[in-house]
Amino acid sequence: GIVAVAGGRIRGFALMHYLDAEAHLLLLAVTP
């Protein structure tokens, strides 16, 4: 789980699950 932070606030985030040979991007959002 990662976040993009600017001015002390979360501006976007993503969650990605890893398997052996592939990964699944579960969520990605950026504030408008």
PDB file of all heavy atoms in Angstrom:
ATOM      1  N   GLY A   1       0.867  -1.164   0.000  1.00  0.00           N
ATOM      2  CA  GLY A   1       0.000   0.000   0.000  1.00  0.00           C
ATOM      3  C   GLY A   1       0.905   1.214   0.000  1.00  0.00           C
ATOM      4  O   GLY A   1       1.811   1.310   0.831  1.00  0.00           O
ATOM      5  N   ILE A   2       0.692   2.121  -0.949  1.00  0.00           N
ATOM      6  CA  ILE A   2       1.512   3.328  -1.022  1.00  0.00           C
ATOM      7  C   ILE A   2       0.609   4.551  -1.109  1.00  0.00           C
ATOM      8  O   ILE A   2      -0.546   4.461  -1.529  1.00  0.00           O
ATOM      9  CB  ILE A   2       2.493   3.293  -2.216  1.00  0.00           C
ATOM     10  CG1 ILE A   2       1.757   3.122  -3.548  1.00  0.00           C
ATOM     11  CG2 ILE A   2       3.530   2.198  -2.016  1.00  0.00           C
ATOM     12  CD1 ILE A   2       2.656   3.249  -4.777  1.00  0.00           C
ATOM     13  N   VAL A   3       1.169   5.678  -0.695  1.00  0.00           N
ATOM     14  CA  VAL A   3       0.441   6.941  -0.762  1.00  0.00           C
ATOM     15  C   VAL A   3       1.334   8.002  -1.387  1.00  0.00           C
ATOM     16  O   VAL A   3       2.558   7.974  -1.241  1.00  0.00           O
ATOM     17  CB  VAL A   3      -0.037   7.413   0.632  1.00  0.00           C
ATOM     18  CG1 VAL A   3      -1.103   6.487   1.193  1.00  0.00           C
ATOM     19  CG2 VAL A   3       1.115   7.559   1.604  1.00  0.00           C
ATOM     20  N   ALA A   4       0.700   8.923  -2.082  1.00  0.00           N
ATOM     21  CA  ALA A   4       1.366  10.134  -2.576  1.00  0.00           C
ATOM     22  C   ALA A   4       0.950  11.249  -1.630  1.00  0.00           C
ATOM     23  O   ALA A   4      -0.252  11.461  -1.405  1.00  0.00           O
ATOM     24  CB  ALA A   4       0.939  10.446  -4.002  1.00  0.00           C
ATOM     25  N   VAL A   5       1.932  11.930  -1.056  1.00  0.00           N
ATOM     26  CA  VAL A   5       1.667  12.946  -0.045  1.00  0.00           C
ATOM     27  C   VAL A   5       2.214  14.293  -0.519  1.00  0.00           C
ATOM     28  O   VAL A   5       3.340  14.377  -1.019  1.00  0.00           O
ATOM     29  CB  VAL A   5       2.323  12.560   1.302  1.00  0.00           C
ATOM     30  CG1 VAL A   5       2.072  13.618   2.355  1.00  0.00           C
ATOM     31  CG2 VAL A   5       1.809  11.206   1.765  1.00  0.00           C
ATOM     32  N   ALA A   6       1.403  15.331  -0.364  1.00  0.00           N
ATOM     33  CA  ALA A   6       1.825  16.702  -0.664  1.00  0.00           C
ATOM     34  C   ALA A   6       1.182  17.612   0.370  1.00  0.00           C
ATOM     35  O   ALA A   6       0.004  17.449   0.703  1.00  0.00           O
ATOM     36  CB  ALA A   6       1.401  17.114  -2.063  1.00  0.00           C
ATOM     37  N   GLY A   7       1.959  18.526   0.896  1.00  0.00           N
ATOM     38  CA  GLY A   7       1.413  19.445   1.889  1.00  0.00           C
ATOM     39  C   GLY A   7       0.862  18.746   3.108  1.00  0.00           C
ATOM     40  O   GLY A   7      -0.100  19.212   3.711  1.00  0.00           O
ATOM     41  N   GLY A   8       1.436  17.589   3.448  1.00  0.00           N
ATOM     42  CA  GLY A   8       0.985  16.837   4.615  1.00  0.00           C
ATOM     43  C   GLY A   8      -0.316  16.076   4.421  1.00  0.00           C
ATOM     44  O   GLY A   8      -0.847  15.504   5.377  1.00  0.00           O
ATOM     45  N   ARG A   9      -0.839  16.045   3.193  1.00  0.00           N
ATOM     46  CA  ARG A   9      -2.106  15.360   2.931  1.00  0.00           C
ATOM     47  C   ARG A   9      -1.939  14.296   1.867  1.00  0.00           C
ATOM     48  O   ARG A   9      -1.148  14.456   0.933  1.00  0.00           O
ATOM     49  CB  ARG A   9      -3.153  16.374   2.469  1.00  0.00           C
ATOM     50  CG  ARG A   9      -3.419  17.432   3.547  1.00  0.00           C
ATOM     51  CD  ARG A   9      -4.502  18.382   3.166  1.00  0.00           C
ATOM     52  NE  ARG A   9      -5.760  17.658   3.037  1.00  0.00           N
ATOM     53  CZ  ARG A   9      -6.803  18.125   2.370  1.00  0.00           C
ATOM     54  NH1 ARG A   9      -6.746  19.293   1.781  1.00  0.00           N
ATOM     55  NH2 ARG A   9      -7.910  17.423   2.295  1.00  0.00           N
ATOM     56  N   ILE A  10      -2.697  13.229   1.997  1.00  0.00           N
ATOM     57  CA  ILE A  10      -2.684  12.162   0.998  1.00  0.00           C
ATOM     58  C   ILE A  10      -3.417  12.660  -0.243  1.00  0.00           C
ATOM     59  O   ILE A  10      -4.567  13.087  -0.175  1.00  0.00           O
ATOM     60  CB  ILE A  10      -3.331  10.878   1.550  1.00  0.00           C
ATOM     61  CG1 ILE A  10      -2.466  10.310   2.681  1.00  0.00           C
ATOM     62  CG2 ILE A  10      -3.531   9.847   0.437  1.00  0.00           C
ATOM     63  CD1 ILE A  10      -3.058   9.123   3.392  1.00  0.00           C
ATOM     64  N   ARG A  11      -2.711  12.594  -1.377  1.00  0.00           N
ATOM     65  CA  ARG A  11      -3.266  13.065  -2.652  1.00  0.00           C
ATOM     66  C   ARG A  11      -3.622  11.914  -3.585  1.00  0.00           C
ATOM     67  O   ARG A  11      -4.286  12.105  -4.589  1.00  0.00           O
ATOM     68  CB  ARG A  11      -2.276  13.991  -3.349  1.00  0.00           C
ATOM     69  CG  ARG A  11      -1.785  15.137  -2.519  1.00  0.00           C
ATOM     70  CD  ARG A  11      -2.918  16.005  -2.039  1.00  0.00           C
ATOM     71  NE  ARG A  11      -2.399  17.091  -1.193  1.00  0.00           N
ATOM     72  CZ  ARG A  11      -2.985  18.254  -1.057  1.00  0.00           C
ATOM     73  NH1 ARG A  11      -4.127  18.499  -1.665  1.00  0.00           N
ATOM     74  NH2 ARG A  11      -2.463  19.162  -0.273  1.00  0.00           N
ATOM     75  N   GLY A  12      -3.152  10.717  -3.234  1.00  0.00           N
ATOM     76  CA  GLY A  12      -3.448   9.536  -4.025  1.00  0.00           C
ATOM     77  C   GLY A  12      -2.916   8.318  -3.304  1.00  0.00           C
ATOM     78  O   GLY A  12      -2.090   8.438  -2.394  1.00  0.00           O
ATOM     79  N   PHE A  13      -3.410   7.142  -3.697  1.00  0.00           N
ATOM     80  CA  PHE A  13      -2.930   5.914  -3.071  1.00  0.00           C
ATOM     81  C   PHE A  13      -3.140   4.744  -4.017  1.00  0.00           C
ATOM     82  O   PHE A  13      -3.891   4.825  -4.991  1.00  0.00           O
ATOM     83  CB  PHE A  13      -3.635   5.651  -1.737  1.00  0.00           C
ATOM     84  CG  PHE A  13      -4.998   5.033  -1.865  1.00  0.00           C
ATOM     85  CD1 PHE A  13      -5.169   3.669  -1.705  1.00  0.00           C
ATOM     86  CD2 PHE A  13      -6.108   5.810  -2.152  1.00  0.00           C
ATOM     87  CE1 PHE A  13      -6.422   3.089  -1.826  1.00  0.00           C
ATOM     88  CE2 PHE A  13      -7.359   5.245  -2.274  1.00  0.00           C
ATOM     89  CZ  PHE A  13      -7.521   3.873  -2.116  1.00  0.00           C
ATOM     90  N   ALA A  14      -2.448   3.663  -3.710  1.00  0.00           N
ATOM     91  CA  ALA A  14      -2.607   2.434  -4.485  1.00  0.00           C
ATOM     92  C   ALA A  14      -2.349   1.236  -3.582  1.00  0.00           C
ATOM     93  O   ALA A  14      -1.548   1.314  -2.651  1.00  0.00           O
ATOM     94  CB  ALA A  14      -1.644   2.416  -5.669  1.00  0.00           C
ATOM     95  N   LEU A  15      -3.034   0.143  -3.887  1.00  0.00           N
ATOM     96  CA  LEU A  15      -2.819  -1.152  -3.232  1.00  0.00           C
ATOM     97  C   LEU A  15      -2.569  -2.180  -4.325  1.00  0.00           C
ATOM     98  O   LEU A  15      -3.341  -2.245  -5.297  1.00  0.00           O
ATOM     99  CB  LEU A  15      -4.044  -1.591  -2.434  1.00  0.00           C
ATOM    100  CG  LEU A  15      -4.456  -0.789  -1.218  1.00  0.00           C
ATOM    101  CD1 LEU A  15      -5.755  -1.349  -0.644  1.00  0.00           C
ATOM    102  CD2 LEU A  15      -3.376  -0.803  -0.167  1.00  0.00           C
ATOM    103  N   MET A  16      -1.509  -2.979  -4.156  1.00  0.00           N
ATOM    104  CA  MET A  16      -1.223  -4.027  -5.131  1.00  0.00           C
ATOM    105  C   MET A  16      -0.821  -5.297  -4.406  1.00  0.00           C
ATOM    106  O   MET A  16       0.004  -5.273  -3.496  1.00  0.00           O
ATOM    107  CB  MET A  16      -0.125  -3.611  -6.109  1.00  0.00           C
ATOM    108  CG  MET A  16       0.026  -4.615  -7.244  1.00  0.00           C
ATOM    109  SD  MET A  16       0.732  -3.931  -8.759  1.00  0.00           S
ATOM    110  CE  MET A  16       2.458  -3.909  -8.340  1.00  0.00           C
ATOM    111  N   HIS A  17      -1.415  -6.400  -4.846  1.00  0.00           N
ATOM    112  CA  HIS A  17      -1.151  -7.720  -4.277  1.00  0.00           C
ATOM    113  C   HIS A  17      -0.225  -8.487  -5.221  1.00  0.00           C
ATOM    114  O   HIS A  17      -0.451  -8.523  -6.431  1.00  0.00           O
ATOM    115  CB  HIS A  17      -2.461  -8.488  -4.091  1.00  0.00           C
ATOM    116  CG  HIS A  17      -2.288  -9.813  -3.459  1.00  0.00           C
ATOM    117  ND1 HIS A  17      -2.013  -9.970  -2.123  1.00  0.00           N
ATOM    118  CD2 HIS A  17      -2.327 -11.051  -3.983  1.00  0.00           C
ATOM    119  CE1 HIS A  17      -1.891 -11.250  -1.858  1.00  0.00           C
ATOM    120  NE2 HIS A  17      -2.076 -11.933  -2.970  1.00  0.00           N
ATOM    121  N   TYR A  18       0.815  -9.097  -4.644  1.00  0.00           N
ATOM    122  CA  TYR A  18       1.829  -9.800  -5.429  1.00  0.00           C
ATOM    123  C   TYR A  18       1.661 -11.306  -5.305  1.00  0.00           C
ATOM    124  O   TYR A  18       1.510 -11.830  -4.209  1.00  0.00           O
ATOM    125  CB  TYR A  18       3.232  -9.428  -4.930  1.00  0.00           C
ATOM    126  CG  TYR A  18       3.527  -7.961  -5.106  1.00  0.00           C
ATOM    127  CD1 TYR A  18       3.085  -7.025  -4.178  1.00  0.00           C
ATOM    128  CD2 TYR A  18       4.244  -7.507  -6.201  1.00  0.00           C
ATOM    129  CE1 TYR A  18       3.331  -5.674  -4.346  1.00  0.00           C
ATOM    130  CE2 TYR A  18       4.507  -6.164  -6.378  1.00  0.00           C
ATOM    131  CZ  TYR A  18       4.042  -5.253  -5.450  1.00  0.00           C
ATOM    132  OH  TYR A  18       4.292  -3.918  -5.615  1.00  0.00           O
ATOM    133  N   LEU A  19       1.724 -11.984  -6.437  1.00  0.00           N
ATOM    134  CA  LEU A  19       1.773 -13.437  -6.501  1.00  0.00           C
ATOM    135  C   LEU A  19       3.160 -13.806  -7.018  1.00  0.00           C
ATOM    136  O   LEU A  19       4.023 -12.950  -7.146  1.00  0.00           O
ATOM    137  CB  LEU A  19       0.661 -13.954  -7.413  1.00  0.00           C
ATOM    138  CG  LEU A  19      -0.752 -13.520  -7.002  1.00  0.00           C
ATOM    139  CD1 LEU A  19      -1.745 -13.806  -8.108  1.00  0.00           C
ATOM    140  CD2 LEU A  19      -1.163 -14.218  -5.717  1.00  0.00           C
ATOM    141  N   ASP A  20       3.387 -15.061  -7.335  1.00  0.00           N
ATOM    142  CA  ASP A  20       4.710 -15.476  -7.797  1.00  0.00           C
ATOM    143  C   ASP A  20       5.135 -14.789  -9.091  1.00  0.00           C
ATOM    144  O   ASP A  20       6.212 -14.224  -9.169  1.00  0.00           O
ATOM    145  CB  ASP A  20       4.774 -16.994  -7.975  1.00  0.00           C
ATOM    146  CG  ASP A  20       4.768 -17.724  -6.650  1.00  0.00           C
ATOM    147  OD1 ASP A  20       5.123 -17.106  -5.630  1.00  0.00           O
ATOM    148  OD2 ASP A  20       4.394 -18.909  -6.637  1.00  0.00           O
ATOM    149  N   ALA A  21       4.309 -14.861 -10.118  1.00  0.00           N
ATOM    150  CA  ALA A  21       4.703 -14.361 -11.427  1.00  0.00           C
ATOM    151  C   ALA A  21       3.899 -13.144 -11.875  1.00  0.00           C
ATOM    152  O   ALA A  21       4.200 -12.554 -12.898  1.00  0.00           O
ATOM    153  CB  ALA A  21       4.566 -15.465 -12.470  1.00  0.00           C
ATOM    154  N   GLU A  22       2.889 -12.781 -11.122  1.00  0.00           N
ATOM    155  CA  GLU A  22       2.082 -11.624 -11.504  1.00  0.00           C
ATOM    156  C   GLU A  22       1.616 -10.881 -10.270  1.00  0.00           C
ATOM    157  O   GLU A  22       1.710 -11.370  -9.151  1.00  0.00           O
ATOM    158  CB  GLU A  22       0.900 -12.032 -12.372  1.00  0.00           C
ATOM    159  CG  GLU A  22      -0.154 -12.853 -11.674  1.00  0.00           C
ATOM    160  CD  GLU A  22      -1.300 -13.219 -12.619  1.00  0.00           C
ATOM    161  OE1 GLU A  22      -1.049 -13.718 -13.720  1.00  0.00           O
ATOM    162  OE2 GLU A  22      -2.454 -12.993 -12.215  1.00  0.00           O
ATOM    163  N   ALA A  23       1.144  -9.677 -10.516  1.00  0.00           N
ATOM    164  CA  ALA A  23       0.604  -8.847  -9.443  1.00  0.00           C
ATOM    165  C   ALA A  23      -0.760  -8.337  -9.884  1.00  0.00           C
ATOM    166  O   ALA A  23      -1.060  -8.250 -11.078  1.00  0.00           O
ATOM    167  CB  ALA A  23       1.541  -7.688  -9.144  1.00  0.00           C
ATOM    168  N   HIS A  24      -1.592  -8.012  -8.900  1.00  0.00           N
ATOM    169  CA  HIS A  24      -2.942  -7.515  -9.161  1.00  0.00           C
ATOM    170  C   HIS A  24      -3.070  -6.138  -8.511  1.00  0.00           C
ATOM    171  O   HIS A  24      -2.977  -6.030  -7.287  1.00  0.00           O
ATOM    172  CB  HIS A  24      -3.974  -8.485  -8.600  1.00  0.00           C
ATOM    173  CG  HIS A  24      -5.374  -8.128  -8.937  1.00  0.00           C
ATOM    174  ND1 HIS A  24      -6.440  -8.601  -8.224  1.00  0.00           N
ATOM    175  CD2 HIS A  24      -5.907  -7.357  -9.907  1.00  0.00           C
ATOM    176  CE1 HIS A  24      -7.563  -8.120  -8.737  1.00  0.00           C
ATOM    177  NE2 HIS A  24      -7.250  -7.367  -9.762  1.00  0.00           N
ATOM    178  N   LEU A  25      -3.250  -5.119  -9.324  1.00  0.00           N
ATOM    179  CA  LEU A  25      -3.479  -3.772  -8.811  1.00  0.00           C
ATOM    180  C   LEU A  25      -4.916  -3.727  -8.313  1.00  0.00           C
ATOM    181  O   LEU A  25      -5.864  -3.792  -9.091  1.00  0.00           O
ATOM    182  CB  LEU A  25      -3.229  -2.727  -9.900  1.00  0.00           C
ATOM    183  CG  LEU A  25      -3.409  -1.275  -9.503  1.00  0.00           C
ATOM    184  CD1 LEU A  25      -2.509  -0.895  -8.329  1.00  0.00           C
ATOM    185  CD2 LEU A  25      -3.140  -0.364 -10.694  1.00  0.00           C
ATOM    186  N   LEU A  26      -5.058  -3.672  -7.005  1.00  0.00           N
ATOM    187  CA  LEU A  26      -6.377  -3.743  -6.381  1.00  0.00           C
ATOM    188  C   LEU A  26      -7.109  -2.409  -6.425  1.00  0.00           C
ATOM    189  O   LEU A  26      -8.298  -2.354  -6.731  1.00  0.00           O
ATOM    190  CB  LEU A  26      -6.236  -4.191  -4.923  1.00  0.00           C
ATOM    191  CG  LEU A  26      -5.554  -5.538  -4.693  1.00  0.00           C
ATOM    192  CD1 LEU A  26      -5.257  -5.737  -3.212  1.00  0.00           C
ATOM    193  CD2 LEU A  26      -6.416  -6.656  -5.239  1.00  0.00           C
ATOM    194  N   LEU A  27      -6.404  -1.336  -6.064  1.00  0.00           N
ATOM    195  CA  LEU A  27      -6.994  -0.005  -5.997  1.00  0.00           C
ATOM    196  C   LEU A  27      -5.969   1.037  -6.421  1.00  0.00           C
ATOM    197  O   LEU A  27      -4.790   0.925  -6.080  1.00  0.00           O
ATOM    198  CB  LEU A  27      -7.433   0.335  -4.567  1.00  0.00           C
ATOM    199  CG  LEU A  27      -8.531  -0.494  -3.920  1.00  0.00           C
ATOM    200  CD1 LEU A  27      -8.687  -0.106  -2.452  1.00  0.00           C
ATOM    201  CD2 LEU A  27      -9.853  -0.315  -4.654  1.00  0.00           C
ATOM    202  N   LEU A  28      -6.433   2.051  -7.116  1.00  0.00           N
ATOM    203  CA  LEU A  28      -5.622   3.229  -7.438  1.00  0.00           C
ATOM    204  C   LEU A  28      -6.571   4.408  -7.484  1.00  0.00           C
ATOM    205  O   LEU A  28      -7.573   4.371  -8.206  1.00  0.00           O
ATOM    206  CB  LEU A  28      -4.922   3.076  -8.783  1.00  0.00           C
ATOM    207  CG  LEU A  28      -4.192   4.332  -9.276  1.00  0.00           C
ATOM    208  CD1 LEU A  28      -2.932   4.575  -8.452  1.00  0.00           C
ATOM    209  CD2 LEU A  28      -3.842   4.223 -10.745  1.00  0.00           C
ATOM    210  N   ALA A  29      -6.267   5.428  -6.706  1.00  0.00           N
ATOM    211  CA  ALA A  29      -7.101   6.624  -6.703  1.00  0.00           C
ATOM    212  C   ALA A  29      -6.232   7.852  -6.523  1.00  0.00           C
ATOM    213  O   ALA A  29      -5.243   7.823  -5.790  1.00  0.00           O
ATOM    214  CB  ALA A  29      -8.135   6.565  -5.579  1.00  0.00           C
ATOM    215  N   VAL A  30      -6.609   8.919  -7.197  1.00  0.00           N
ATOM    216  CA  VAL A  30      -5.953  10.217  -7.070  1.00  0.00           C
ATOM    217  C   VAL A  30      -7.053  11.235  -6.825  1.00  0.00           C
ATOM    218  O   VAL A  30      -8.089  11.214  -7.501  1.00  0.00           O
ATOM    219  CB  VAL A  30      -5.156  10.568  -8.350  1.00  0.00           C
ATOM    220  CG1 VAL A  30      -4.565  11.962  -8.259  1.00  0.00           C
ATOM    221  CG2 VAL A  30      -4.065   9.528  -8.601  1.00  0.00           C
ATOM    222  N   THR A  31      -6.840  12.123  -5.860  1.00  0.00           N
ATOM    223  CA  THR A  31      -7.850  13.137  -5.564  1.00  0.00           C
ATOM    224  C   THR A  31      -8.072  14.006  -6.803  1.00  0.00           C
ATOM    225  O   THR A  31      -7.147  14.236  -7.587  1.00  0.00           O
ATOM    226  CB  THR A  31      -7.433  14.013  -4.370  1.00  0.00           C
ATOM    227  OG1 THR A  31      -6.186  14.630  -4.662  1.00  0.00           O
ATOM    228  CG2 THR A  31      -7.319  13.185  -3.092  1.00  0.00           C
ATOM    229  N   PRO A  32      -9.288  14.480  -7.005  1.00  0.00           N
ATOM    230  CA  PRO A  32      -9.591  15.255  -8.217  1.00  0.00           C
ATOM    231  C   PRO A  32      -8.651  16.441  -8.443  1.00  0.00           C
ATOM    232  O   PRO A  32      -8.251  16.699  -9.583  1.00  0.00           O
ATOM    233  CB  PRO A  32     -11.036  15.717  -7.988  1.00  0.00           C
ATOM    234  CG  PRO A  32     -11.628  14.639  -7.128  1.00  0.00           C
ATOM    235  CD  PRO A  32     -10.505  14.229  -6.206  1.00  0.00           C
TER     236      PRO A  32
END
